[in-house]
C-alpha cells in the first residue's frame, strides 16, 4: 500500500517512481478518491498505455470538476489554470 508521504510527493511532482499497479489498487479500493484517480490516469497517459482512453471514459463520472481533471491529466500548469478561470471585473 502507498504511504501518505509518497502520495504527497507525487501530487507535488517530486516523485515519478510509483507503479501503475499500486495506483490501480488505490483507485479500486477508494473509487471516490479523485486525486488518486487523476494521478493514475496521468501516469497511464505518460506510459502511453492503450487502456488510458477506456479508463478516462469510465472515470469521467467520478470527477466533480472535469475541466480540472483535463488540465491535471494533460499537465497544464496551475498558473495557466488560474488565469483561465479568474473572474475579471
PDB file of N, CA and C in Angstrom:
ATOM      1  N   UNK A   1       0.837  -1.181   0.000  1.00  0.00           N
ATOM      2  CA  UNK A   1       0.000   0.000   0.000  1.00  0.00           C
ATOM      3  C   UNK A   1       0.879   1.240   0.000  1.00  0.00           C
ATOM      4  N   UNK A   2       0.390   2.271  -0.582  1.00  0.00           N
ATOM      5  CA  UNK A   2       1.129   3.524  -0.688  1.00  0.00           C
ATOM      6  C   UNK A   2       1.044   4.303   0.619  1.00  0.00           C
ATOM      7  N   UNK A   3       2.120   4.965   0.942  1.00  0.00           N
ATOM      8  CA  UNK A   3       2.135   5.805   2.134  1.00  0.00           C
ATOM      9  C   UNK A   3       1.694   7.214   1.762  1.00  0.00           C
ATOM     10  N   UNK A   4       1.230   7.957   2.740  1.00  0.00           N
ATOM     11  CA  UNK A   4       0.753   9.320   2.528  1.00  0.00           C
ATOM     12  C   UNK A   4       1.891  10.200   2.001  1.00  0.00           C
ATOM     13  N   UNK A   5       3.091  10.012   2.510  1.00  0.00           N
ATOM     14  CA  UNK A   5       4.225  10.829   2.068  1.00  0.00           C
ATOM     15  C   UNK A   5       4.538  10.585   0.592  1.00  0.00           C
ATOM     16  N   UNK A   6       4.400   9.341   0.127  1.00  0.00           N
ATOM     17  CA  UNK A   6       4.627   9.041  -1.286  1.00  0.00           C
ATOM     18  C   UNK A   6       3.570   9.706  -2.159  1.00  0.00           C
ATOM     19  N   UNK A   7       2.326   9.658  -1.719  1.00  0.00           N
ATOM     20  CA  UNK A   7       1.247  10.280  -2.478  1.00  0.00           C
ATOM     21  C   UNK A   7       1.427  11.793  -2.531  1.00  0.00           C
ATOM     22  N   UNK A   8       1.856  12.389  -1.429  1.00  0.00           N
ATOM     23  CA  UNK A   8       2.122  13.825  -1.397  1.00  0.00           C
ATOM     24  C   UNK A   8       3.232  14.198  -2.380  1.00  0.00           C
ATOM     25  N   UNK A   9       4.287  13.413  -2.422  1.00  0.00           N
ATOM     26  CA  UNK A   9       5.389  13.681  -3.348  1.00  0.00           C
ATOM     27  C   UNK A   9       4.938  13.588  -4.799  1.00  0.00           C
ATOM     28  N   UNK A  10       4.048  12.655  -5.077  1.00  0.00           N
ATOM     29  CA  UNK A  10       3.530  12.530  -6.443  1.00  0.00           C
ATOM     30  C   UNK A  10       2.672  13.742  -6.794  1.00  0.00           C
ATOM     31  N   UNK A  11       1.840  14.175  -5.855  1.00  0.00           N
ATOM     32  CA  UNK A  11       0.998  15.344  -6.096  1.00  0.00           C
ATOM     33  C   UNK A  11       1.834  16.595  -6.345  1.00  0.00           C
ATOM     34  N   UNK A  12       2.959  16.687  -5.680  1.00  0.00           N
ATOM     35  CA  UNK A  12       3.833  17.850  -5.837  1.00  0.00           C
ATOM     36  C   UNK A  12       4.861  17.660  -6.945  1.00  0.00           C
ATOM     37  N   UNK A  13       4.699  16.607  -7.754  1.00  0.00           N
ATOM     38  CA  UNK A  13       5.597  16.289  -8.870  1.00  0.00           C
ATOM     39  C   UNK A  13       7.034  16.080  -8.421  1.00  0.00           C
ATOM     40  N   UNK A  14       7.229  15.559  -7.225  1.00  0.00           N
ATOM     41  CA  UNK A  14       8.574  15.280  -6.730  1.00  0.00           C
ATOM     42  C   UNK A  14       8.977  13.831  -6.979  1.00  0.00           C
ATOM     43  N   UNK A  15       8.028  12.989  -7.304  1.00  0.00           N
ATOM     44  CA  UNK A  15       8.326  11.566  -7.448  1.00  0.00           C
ATOM     45  C   UNK A  15       7.525  10.983  -8.603  1.00  0.00           C
ATOM     46  N   UNK A  16       8.208  10.224  -9.425  1.00  0.00           N
ATOM     47  CA  UNK A  16       7.544   9.523 -10.521  1.00  0.00           C
ATOM     48  C   UNK A  16       7.776   8.018 -10.446  1.00  0.00           C
ATOM     49  N   UNK A  17       8.163   7.539  -9.273  1.00  0.00           N
ATOM     50  CA  UNK A  17       8.562   6.146  -9.177  1.00  0.00           C
ATOM     51  C   UNK A  17       7.464   5.201  -8.692  1.00  0.00           C
ATOM     52  N   UNK A  18       6.248   5.631  -8.643  1.00  0.00           N
ATOM     53  CA  UNK A  18       5.165   4.750  -8.199  1.00  0.00           C
ATOM     54  C   UNK A  18       4.644   3.962  -9.401  1.00  0.00           C
ATOM     55  N   UNK A  19       4.347   2.711  -9.153  1.00  0.00           N
ATOM     56  CA  UNK A  19       3.924   1.875 -10.277  1.00  0.00           C
ATOM     57  C   UNK A  19       2.410   1.959 -10.481  1.00  0.00           C
ATOM     58  N   UNK A  20       1.992   1.607 -11.674  1.00  0.00           N
ATOM     59  CA  UNK A  20       0.578   1.675 -12.039  1.00  0.00           C
ATOM     60  C   UNK A  20      -0.271   0.687 -11.243  1.00  0.00           C
ATOM     61  N   UNK A  21       0.291  -0.443 -10.920  1.00  0.00           N
ATOM     62  CA  UNK A  21      -0.471  -1.451 -10.178  1.00  0.00           C
ATOM     63  C   UNK A  21      -0.905  -0.923  -8.813  1.00  0.00           C
ATOM     64  N   UNK A  22      -0.005  -0.242  -8.124  1.00  0.00           N
ATOM     65  CA  UNK A  22      -0.335   0.323  -6.813  1.00  0.00           C
ATOM     66  C   UNK A  22      -1.417   1.378  -6.940  1.00  0.00           C
ATOM     67  N   UNK A  23      -1.283   2.250  -7.930  1.00  0.00           N
ATOM     68  CA  UNK A  23      -2.305   3.276  -8.152  1.00  0.00           C
ATOM     69  C   UNK A  23      -3.648   2.650  -8.497  1.00  0.00           C
ATOM     70  N   UNK A  24      -3.623   1.623  -9.306  1.00  0.00           N
ATOM     71  CA  UNK A  24      -4.868   0.960  -9.676  1.00  0.00           C
ATOM     72  C   UNK A  24      -5.543   0.332  -8.462  1.00  0.00           C
ATOM     73  N   UNK A  25      -4.758  -0.227  -7.564  1.00  0.00           N
ATOM     74  CA  UNK A  25      -5.319  -0.799  -6.340  1.00  0.00           C
ATOM     75  C   UNK A  25      -5.977   0.275  -5.484  1.00  0.00           C
ATOM     76  N   UNK A  26      -5.337   1.437  -5.390  1.00  0.00           N
ATOM     77  CA  UNK A  26      -5.909   2.541  -4.612  1.00  0.00           C
ATOM     78  C   UNK A  26      -7.225   2.990  -5.223  1.00  0.00           C
ATOM     79  N   UNK A  27      -7.252   3.127  -6.549  1.00  0.00           N
ATOM     80  CA  UNK A  27      -8.466   3.571  -7.237  1.00  0.00           C
ATOM     81  C   UNK A  27      -9.593   2.553  -7.065  1.00  0.00           C
ATOM     82  N   UNK A  28      -9.263   1.279  -7.105  1.00  0.00           N
ATOM     83  CA  UNK A  28     -10.291   0.257  -6.916  1.00  0.00           C
ATOM     84  C   UNK A  28     -10.787   0.215  -5.470  1.00  0.00           C
ATOM     85  N   UNK A  29      -9.880   0.444  -4.522  1.00  0.00           N
ATOM     86  CA  UNK A  29     -10.272   0.396  -3.119  1.00  0.00           C
ATOM     87  C   UNK A  29     -11.044   1.647  -2.702  1.00  0.00           C
ATOM     88  N   UNK A  30     -10.633   2.801  -3.234  1.00  0.00           N
ATOM     89  CA  UNK A  30     -11.273   4.079  -2.908  1.00  0.00           C
ATOM     90  C   UNK A  30     -11.717   4.759  -4.205  1.00  0.00           C
ATOM     91  N   UNK A  31     -12.849   4.355  -4.768  1.00  0.00           N
ATOM     92  CA  UNK A  31     -13.254   4.870  -6.086  1.00  0.00           C
ATOM     93  C   UNK A  31     -13.557   6.372  -6.118  1.00  0.00           C
ATOM     94  N   UNK A  32     -13.871   6.989  -4.993  1.00  0.00           N
ATOM     95  CA  UNK A  32     -14.189   8.417  -4.992  1.00  0.00           C
ATOM     96  C   UNK A  32     -13.005   9.283  -4.585  1.00  0.00           C
ATOM     97  N   UNK A  33     -11.823   8.723  -4.505  1.00  0.00           N
ATOM     98  CA  UNK A  33     -10.604   9.455  -4.200  1.00  0.00           C
ATOM     99  C   UNK A  33     -10.103  10.052  -5.519  1.00  0.00           C
ATOM    100  N   UNK A  34     -10.581  11.262  -5.805  1.00  0.00           N
ATOM    101  CA  UNK A  34     -10.340  11.886  -7.102  1.00  0.00           C
ATOM    102  C   UNK A  34      -8.870  12.056  -7.460  1.00  0.00           C
ATOM    103  N   UNK A  35      -8.073  12.520  -6.507  1.00  0.00           N
ATOM    104  CA  UNK A  35      -6.671  12.780  -6.823  1.00  0.00           C
ATOM    105  C   UNK A  35      -5.923  11.498  -7.157  1.00  0.00           C
ATOM    106  N   UNK A  36      -6.237  10.416  -6.480  1.00  0.00           N
ATOM    107  CA  UNK A  36      -5.594   9.140  -6.816  1.00  0.00           C
ATOM    108  C   UNK A  36      -5.985   8.711  -8.221  1.00  0.00           C
ATOM    109  N   UNK A  37      -7.243   8.908  -8.562  1.00  0.00           N
ATOM    110  CA  UNK A  37      -7.715   8.566  -9.905  1.00  0.00           C
ATOM    111  C   UNK A  37      -7.045   9.443 -10.961  1.00  0.00           C
ATOM    112  N   UNK A  38      -6.887  10.718 -10.660  1.00  0.00           N
ATOM    113  CA  UNK A  38      -6.225  11.621 -11.604  1.00  0.00           C
ATOM    114  C   UNK A  38      -4.750  11.269 -11.788  1.00  0.00           C
ATOM    115  N   UNK A  39      -4.091  10.945 -10.700  1.00  0.00           N
ATOM    116  CA  UNK A  39      -2.679  10.550 -10.790  1.00  0.00           C
ATOM    117  C   UNK A  39      -2.548   9.260 -11.599  1.00  0.00           C
ATOM    118  N   UNK A  40      -3.459   8.343 -11.369  1.00  0.00           N
ATOM    119  CA  UNK A  40      -3.455   7.086 -12.116  1.00  0.00           C
ATOM    120  C   UNK A  40      -3.632   7.338 -13.614  1.00  0.00           C
ATOM    121  N   UNK A  41      -4.588   8.178 -13.964  1.00  0.00           N
ATOM    122  CA  UNK A  41      -4.815   8.485 -15.375  1.00  0.00           C
ATOM    123  C   UNK A  41      -3.630   9.225 -15.992  1.00  0.00           C
ATOM    124  N   UNK A  42      -3.061  10.138 -15.239  1.00  0.00           N
ATOM    125  CA  UNK A  42      -1.894  10.873 -15.748  1.00  0.00           C
ATOM    126  C   UNK A  42      -0.738   9.917 -16.007  1.00  0.00           C
ATOM    127  N   UNK A  43      -0.531   8.977 -15.098  1.00  0.00           N
ATOM    128  CA  UNK A  43       0.553   8.004 -15.266  1.00  0.00           C
ATOM    129  C   UNK A  43       0.278   7.085 -16.449  1.00  0.00           C
ATOM    130  N   UNK A  44      -0.993   6.690 -16.636  1.00  0.00           N
ATOM    131  CA  UNK A  44      -1.354   5.878 -17.794  1.00  0.00           C
ATOM    132  C   UNK A  44      -1.043   6.617 -19.091  1.00  0.00           C
ATOM    133  N   UNK A  45      -1.350   7.901 -19.115  1.00  0.00           N
ATOM    134  CA  UNK A  45      -1.086   8.688 -20.317  1.00  0.00           C
ATOM    135  C   UNK A  45       0.409   8.822 -20.568  1.00  0.00           C
ATOM    136  N   UNK A  46       1.208   8.984 -19.517  1.00  0.00           N
ATOM    137  CA  UNK A  46       2.656   9.101 -19.662  1.00  0.00           C
ATOM    138  C   UNK A  46       3.272   7.813 -20.205  1.00  0.00           C
ATOM    139  N   UNK A  47       2.701   6.695 -19.791  1.00  0.00           N
ATOM    140  CA  UNK A  47       3.217   5.407 -20.230  1.00  0.00           C
ATOM    141  C   UNK A  47       2.746   5.121 -21.661  1.00  0.00           C
ATOM    142  N   UNK A  48       1.803   5.885 -22.134  1.00  0.00           N
ATOM    143  CA  UNK A  48       1.210   5.703 -23.458  1.00  0.00           C
ATOM    144  C   UNK A  48       0.461   4.377 -23.542  1.00  0.00           C
ATOM    145  N   UNK A  49      -0.207   4.071 -22.475  1.00  0.00           N
ATOM    146  CA  UNK A  49      -0.955   2.836 -22.373  1.00  0.00           C
ATOM    147  C   UNK A  49      -2.236   2.929 -23.199  1.00  0.00           C
ATOM    148  N   UNK A  50      -2.561   1.878 -23.889  1.00  0.00           N
ATOM    149  CA  UNK A  50      -3.770   1.862 -24.712  1.00  0.00           C
ATOM    150  C   UNK A  50      -5.038   1.848 -23.866  1.00  0.00           C
ATOM    151  N   UNK A  51      -4.901   1.503 -22.619  1.00  0.00           N
ATOM    152  CA  UNK A  51      -6.043   1.432 -21.710  1.00  0.00           C
ATOM    153  C   UNK A  51      -6.492   2.831 -21.277  1.00  0.00           C
ATOM    154  N   UNK A  52      -5.636   3.845 -21.478  1.00  0.00           N
ATOM    155  CA  UNK A  52      -5.901   5.194 -20.986  1.00  0.00           C
ATOM    156  C   UNK A  52      -7.267   5.724 -21.412  1.00  0.00           C
ATOM    157  N   UNK A  53      -7.604   5.631 -22.680  1.00  0.00           N
ATOM    158  CA  UNK A  53      -8.869   6.189 -23.187  1.00  0.00           C
ATOM    159  C   UNK A  53     -10.067   5.517 -22.518  1.00  0.00           C
ATOM    160  N   UNK A  54     -10.029   4.199 -22.400  1.00  0.00           N
ATOM    161  CA  UNK A  54     -11.146   3.495 -21.761  1.00  0.00           C
ATOM    162  C   UNK A  54     -11.271   3.846 -20.286  1.00  0.00           C
ATOM    163  N   UNK A  55     -10.146   3.929 -19.594  1.00  0.00           N
ATOM    164  CA  UNK A  55     -10.175   4.290 -18.170  1.00  0.00           C
ATOM    165  C   UNK A  55     -10.642   5.734 -17.989  1.00  0.00           C
ATOM    166  N   UNK A  56     -10.245   6.610 -18.898  1.00  0.00           N
ATOM    167  CA  UNK A  56     -10.673   8.003 -18.829  1.00  0.00           C
ATOM    168  C   UNK A  56     -12.189   8.108 -18.975  1.00  0.00           C
ATOM    169  N   UNK A  57     -12.730   7.397 -19.931  1.00  0.00           N
ATOM    170  CA  UNK A  57     -14.191   7.416 -20.125  1.00  0.00           C
ATOM    171  C   UNK A  57     -14.932   6.860 -18.917  1.00  0.00           C
ATOM    172  N   UNK A  58     -14.400   5.794 -18.338  1.00  0.00           N
ATOM    173  CA  UNK A  58     -15.040   5.193 -17.169  1.00  0.00           C
ATOM    174  C   UNK A  58     -14.904   6.080 -15.934  1.00  0.00           C
ATOM    175  N   UNK A  59     -13.846   6.885 -15.885  1.00  0.00           N
ATOM    176  CA  UNK A  59     -13.582   7.719 -14.705  1.00  0.00           C
ATOM    177  C   UNK A  59     -14.291   9.062 -14.742  1.00  0.00           C
ATOM    178  N   UNK A  60     -14.782   9.472 -15.876  1.00  0.00           N
ATOM    179  CA  UNK A  60     -15.368  10.806 -16.010  1.00  0.00           C
ATOM    180  C   UNK A  60     -16.511  11.050 -15.025  1.00  0.00           C
ATOM    181  N   UNK A  61     -17.248  10.037 -14.701  1.00  0.00           N
ATOM    182  CA  UNK A  61     -18.381  10.200 -13.785  1.00  0.00           C
ATOM    183  C   UNK A  61     -17.939  10.476 -12.350  1.00  0.00           C
ATOM    184  N   UNK A  62     -16.702  10.157 -12.017  1.00  0.00           N
ATOM    185  CA  UNK A  62     -16.210  10.334 -10.656  1.00  0.00           C
ATOM    186  C   UNK A  62     -15.649  11.725 -10.384  1.00  0.00           C
ATOM    187  N   UNK A  63     -15.469  12.536 -11.414  1.00  0.00           N
ATOM    188  CA  UNK A  63     -14.844  13.843 -11.231  1.00  0.00           C
ATOM    189  C   UNK A  63     -15.877  14.915 -10.946  1.00  0.00           C
ATOM    190  N   UNK A  64     -15.601  15.719  -9.932  1.00  0.00           N
ATOM    191  CA  UNK A  64     -16.503  16.820  -9.617  1.00  0.00           C
ATOM    192  C   UNK A  64     -16.251  18.005 -10.542  1.00  0.00           C
ATOM    193  N   UNK A  65     -15.047  18.120 -11.062  1.00  0.00           N
ATOM    194  CA  UNK A  65     -14.694  19.210 -11.970  1.00  0.00           C
ATOM    195  C   UNK A  65     -13.910  18.620 -13.135  1.00  0.00           C
ATOM    196  N   UNK A  66     -14.580  18.421 -14.243  1.00  0.00           N
ATOM    197  CA  UNK A  66     -13.937  17.775 -15.388  1.00  0.00           C
ATOM    198  C   UNK A  66     -12.885  18.658 -16.047  1.00  0.00           C
ATOM    199  N   UNK A  67     -13.048  19.964 -15.952  1.00  0.00           N
ATOM    200  CA  UNK A  67     -12.030  20.855 -16.515  1.00  0.00           C
ATOM    201  C   UNK A  67     -10.719  20.720 -15.756  1.00  0.00           C
ATOM    202  N   UNK A  68     -10.814  20.679 -14.428  1.00  0.00           N
ATOM    203  CA  UNK A  68      -9.606  20.483 -13.642  1.00  0.00           C
ATOM    204  C   UNK A  68      -8.969  19.140 -13.971  1.00  0.00           C
ATOM    205  N   UNK A  69      -9.776  18.102 -14.119  1.00  0.00           N
ATOM    206  CA  UNK A  69      -9.252  16.778 -14.465  1.00  0.00           C
ATOM    207  C   UNK A  69      -8.520  16.828 -15.801  1.00  0.00           C
ATOM    208  N   UNK A  70      -9.097  17.521 -16.769  1.00  0.00           N
ATOM    209  CA  UNK A  70      -8.453  17.660 -18.085  1.00  0.00           C
ATOM    210  C   UNK A  70      -7.107  18.360 -17.951  1.00  0.00           C
ATOM    211  N   UNK A  71      -7.088  19.463 -17.216  1.00  0.00           N
ATOM    212  CA  UNK A  71      -5.841  20.214 -17.060  1.00  0.00           C
ATOM    213  C   UNK A  71      -4.798  19.400 -16.299  1.00  0.00           C
ATOM    214  N   UNK A  72      -5.211  18.683 -15.279  1.00  0.00           N
ATOM    215  CA  UNK A  72      -4.269  17.900 -14.483  1.00  0.00           C
ATOM    216  C   UNK A  72      -3.665  16.768 -15.300  1.00  0.00           C
ATOM    217  N   UNK A  73      -4.506  16.023 -15.994  1.00  0.00           N
ATOM    218  CA  UNK A  73      -4.026  14.878 -16.766  1.00  0.00           C
ATOM    219  C   UNK A  73      -3.124  15.329 -17.909  1.00  0.00           C
ATOM    220  N   UNK A  74      -3.424  16.474 -18.490  1.00  0.00           N
ATOM    221  CA  UNK A  74      -2.618  16.967 -19.602  1.00  0.00           C
ATOM    222  C   UNK A  74      -1.434  17.809 -19.162  1.00  0.00           C
ATOM    223  N   UNK A  75      -1.272  18.002 -17.859  1.00  0.00           N
ATOM    224  CA  UNK A  75      -0.090  18.690 -17.349  1.00  0.00           C
ATOM    225  C   UNK A  75      -0.076  20.182 -17.556  1.00  0.00           C
ATOM    226  N   UNK A  76      -1.236  20.782 -17.670  1.00  0.00           N
ATOM    227  CA  UNK A  76      -1.305  22.234 -17.813  1.00  0.00           C
ATOM    228  C   UNK A  76      -1.113  22.844 -16.432  1.00  0.00           C
ATOM    229  N   UNK A  77      -0.230  23.817 -16.333  1.00  0.00           N
ATOM    230  CA  UNK A  77       0.178  24.378 -15.050  1.00  0.00           C
ATOM    231  C   UNK A  77      -0.917  25.101 -14.289  1.00  0.00           C
ATOM    232  N   UNK A  78      -0.697  25.248 -13.013  1.00  0.00           N
ATOM    233  CA  UNK A  78      -1.657  25.899 -12.118  1.00  0.00           C
ATOM    234  C   UNK A  78      -1.807  27.368 -12.469  1.00  0.00           C
ATOM    235  N   UNK A  79      -0.718  28.050 -12.817  1.00  0.00           N
ATOM    236  CA  UNK A  79      -0.803  29.466 -13.157  1.00  0.00           C
ATOM    237  C   UNK A  79      -1.680  29.690 -14.381  1.00  0.00           C
ATOM    238  N   UNK A  80      -1.534  28.845 -15.370  1.00  0.00           N
ATOM    239  CA  UNK A  80      -2.380  28.958 -16.553  1.00  0.00           C
ATOM    240  C   UNK A  80      -3.832  28.679 -16.200  1.00  0.00           C
ATOM    241  N   UNK A  81      -4.047  27.723 -15.316  1.00  0.00           N
ATOM    242  CA  UNK A  81      -5.393  27.395 -14.863  1.00  0.00           C
ATOM    243  C   UNK A  81      -6.015  28.575 -14.129  1.00  0.00           C
ATOM    244  N   UNK A  82      -5.239  29.227 -13.270  1.00  0.00           N
ATOM    245  CA  UNK A  82      -5.753  30.389 -12.536  1.00  0.00           C
ATOM    246  C   UNK A  82      -6.109  31.515 -13.486  1.00  0.00           C
ATOM    247  N   UNK A  83      -5.256  31.773 -14.471  1.00  0.00           N
ATOM    248  CA  UNK A  83      -5.540  32.846 -15.434  1.00  0.00           C
ATOM    249  C   UNK A  83      -6.796  32.555 -16.232  1.00  0.00           C
ATOM    250  N   UNK A  84      -7.006  31.299 -16.563  1.00  0.00           N
ATOM    251  CA  UNK A  84      -8.151  30.946 -17.388  1.00  0.00           C
ATOM    252  C   UNK A  84      -9.466  31.076 -16.631  1.00  0.00           C
ATOM    253  N   UNK A  85      -9.468  30.814 -15.331  1.00  0.00           N
ATOM    254  CA  UNK A  85     -10.706  30.792 -14.570  1.00  0.00           C
ATOM    255  C   UNK A  85     -10.856  31.931 -13.568  1.00  0.00           C
ATOM    256  N   UNK A  86     -10.057  32.973 -13.678  1.00  0.00           N
ATOM    257  CA  UNK A  86     -10.239  34.096 -12.764  1.00  0.00           C
ATOM    258  C   UNK A  86     -11.368  34.983 -13.272  1.00  0.00           C
ATOM    259  N   UNK A  87     -12.061  35.562 -12.326  1.00  0.00           N
ATOM    260  CA  UNK A  87     -13.157  36.468 -12.657  1.00  0.00           C
ATOM    261  C   UNK A  87     -12.580  37.877 -12.805  1.00  0.00           C
ATOM    262  N   UNK A  88     -12.809  38.433 -13.954  1.00  0.00           N
ATOM    263  CA  UNK A  88     -12.285  39.772 -14.202  1.00  0.00           C
ATOM    264  C   UNK A  88     -13.407  40.789 -14.018  1.00  0.00           C
ATOM    265  N   UNK A  89     -13.039  41.885 -13.393  1.00  0.00           N
ATOM    266  CA  UNK A  89     -14.053  42.917 -13.123  1.00  0.00           C
ATOM    267  C   UNK A  89     -13.879  44.075 -14.057  1.00  0.00           C
TER     268      UNK A  89
END
